[in-house]
Amino acid sequence: MKDESVLGKTIFFAQFVARIQFLSKYLTEHTSS
């Protein structure tokens, strides 16, 4: 069982997706003005 590596990858991926969504939202708000 390698639950720790799977959990680590899941958390890393979740943070990565959140960062991408934040950046895209930030860029859309600031480029539309």
N, C-alpha and C. Protein backbone atom coordinates (compact mmCIF):
# COMPACT_ATOMS: atom_id res chain seq x y z
N MET A 1 0.85 -1.21 0.00
CA MET A 1 0.00 0.00 0.00
C MET A 1 0.88 1.26 0.00
N LYS A 2 0.67 2.09 -0.98
CA LYS A 2 1.43 3.35 -1.03
C LYS A 2 0.44 4.52 -1.00
N ASP A 3 -0.34 4.57 0.05
CA ASP A 3 -1.36 5.62 0.15
C ASP A 3 -0.73 7.00 0.26
N GLU A 4 0.45 7.08 0.90
CA GLU A 4 1.08 8.38 1.11
C GLU A 4 1.47 9.02 -0.21
N SER A 5 2.02 8.24 -1.13
CA SER A 5 2.42 8.80 -2.42
C SER A 5 1.21 9.22 -3.23
N VAL A 6 0.14 8.43 -3.17
CA VAL A 6 -1.09 8.76 -3.89
C VAL A 6 -1.70 10.03 -3.31
N LEU A 7 -1.73 10.11 -1.98
CA LEU A 7 -2.28 11.29 -1.32
C LEU A 7 -1.46 12.53 -1.66
N GLY A 8 -0.14 12.36 -1.67
CA GLY A 8 0.74 13.48 -2.00
C GLY A 8 0.51 13.98 -3.41
N LYS A 9 0.37 13.03 -4.35
CA LYS A 9 0.13 13.41 -5.75
C LYS A 9 -1.23 14.09 -5.89
N THR A 10 -2.23 13.60 -5.17
CA THR A 10 -3.57 14.18 -5.24
C THR A 10 -3.56 15.62 -4.73
N ILE A 11 -2.89 15.84 -3.59
CA ILE A 11 -2.80 17.18 -3.01
C ILE A 11 -2.04 18.11 -3.95
N PHE A 12 -0.93 17.61 -4.50
CA PHE A 12 -0.12 18.42 -5.42
C PHE A 12 -0.93 18.80 -6.64
N PHE A 13 -1.67 17.83 -7.18
CA PHE A 13 -2.49 18.09 -8.37
C PHE A 13 -3.61 19.08 -8.05
N ALA A 14 -4.22 18.93 -6.88
CA ALA A 14 -5.30 19.83 -6.48
C ALA A 14 -4.78 21.26 -6.36
N GLN A 15 -3.60 21.42 -5.74
CA GLN A 15 -3.01 22.75 -5.61
C GLN A 15 -2.67 23.33 -6.97
N PHE A 16 -2.18 22.46 -7.88
CA PHE A 16 -1.82 22.90 -9.23
C PHE A 16 -3.05 23.40 -9.97
N VAL A 17 -4.14 22.65 -9.91
CA VAL A 17 -5.38 23.04 -10.58
C VAL A 17 -5.93 24.34 -10.00
N ALA A 18 -5.88 24.45 -8.67
CA ALA A 18 -6.38 25.66 -8.01
C ALA A 18 -5.58 26.87 -8.46
N ARG A 19 -4.25 26.69 -8.60
CA ARG A 19 -3.38 27.78 -9.02
C ARG A 19 -3.70 28.21 -10.45
N ILE A 20 -3.94 27.23 -11.32
CA ILE A 20 -4.27 27.52 -12.71
C ILE A 20 -5.59 28.28 -12.80
N GLN A 21 -6.58 27.83 -12.04
CA GLN A 21 -7.89 28.49 -12.05
C GLN A 21 -7.79 29.91 -11.53
N PHE A 22 -6.99 30.11 -10.47
CA PHE A 22 -6.82 31.44 -9.90
C PHE A 22 -6.14 32.36 -10.90
N LEU A 23 -5.10 31.85 -11.57
CA LEU A 23 -4.38 32.66 -12.55
C LEU A 23 -5.27 33.02 -13.73
N SER A 24 -6.03 32.06 -14.22
CA SER A 24 -6.90 32.33 -15.38
C SER A 24 -7.97 33.36 -15.01
N LYS A 25 -8.53 33.23 -13.80
CA LYS A 25 -9.53 34.18 -13.34
C LYS A 25 -8.92 35.57 -13.19
N TYR A 26 -7.72 35.63 -12.63
CA TYR A 26 -7.03 36.90 -12.43
C TYR A 26 -6.75 37.57 -13.77
N LEU A 27 -6.26 36.77 -14.73
CA LEU A 27 -5.92 37.32 -16.05
C LEU A 27 -7.17 37.80 -16.78
N THR A 28 -8.25 37.05 -16.68
CA THR A 28 -9.47 37.46 -17.38
C THR A 28 -10.00 38.77 -16.81
N GLU A 29 -9.95 38.92 -15.50
CA GLU A 29 -10.47 40.14 -14.89
C GLU A 29 -9.62 41.35 -15.26
N HIS A 30 -8.30 41.15 -15.37
CA HIS A 30 -7.41 42.29 -15.57
C HIS A 30 -7.18 42.62 -17.05
N THR A 31 -7.45 41.67 -17.93
CA THR A 31 -7.26 41.96 -19.35
C THR A 31 -8.53 42.52 -19.98
N SER A 32 -9.67 42.28 -19.36
CA SER A 32 -10.94 42.75 -19.93
C SER A 32 -11.13 44.24 -19.70
N SER A 33 -10.44 44.79 -18.71
CA SER A 33 -10.61 46.21 -18.39
C SER A 33 -9.86 47.09 -19.38
